[in-house]
Amino acid sequence: MLRLRLWAILGMVMLSGCAGFGKSFETPRISLVNVEIREAKLFETIFNVELRIINTNETPIILKGLECRLEINGKDLALGVLDSKTEIPAFGSVKVPITLYSSVVDMVRSALHSSTKDSFSYKVTGKLRLESEAWIPPVIPFSSDGELGKD
């Protein structure tokens, strides 16, 4: 009888403990909103980039920082990091500004590669760094891509 009670108590504890872990985490969606050249120097170009982060989860997410890479036509163009705490509300979105840096070599390589094409493709990749809870991974890779015509 005592053994049966222990098993019943253990079962209830396990079921109640799993209730908090019943939340499923959906990876935030990232999209490129805007790219502007902020400054062009002899050996470096600085871009202001805006990313939109969409949280489809029922709880807010705290972004601690991110790293980001921009490719044009499959060639690395620019990269940067952001160290800024931002709350992304539940079922909400935020625009996050980030500064990306490109060397003159990357700029020339990208320009030469895309000069003969009628359109160009872009790809933004990186990692979100989140304040972690038991059910949220601390680092989430992301990727977003698209294609634009020159006309």
Foldseek 3Di string as FASTA:
>chain_A
DVVVVVVVVVVVVVVVVCVVVPFAADAWAKDWDDWDFPDDDPWKTKIKTKMKTFGQGQAKWWFQKKKKWKDKQNATFWIFIGGDIDIAGHRGMDIDITMIMGTPVSVVVRCVVPVPDQKMKMKMKIWTATDDDPNDDRIDIHMDMDMGGPD
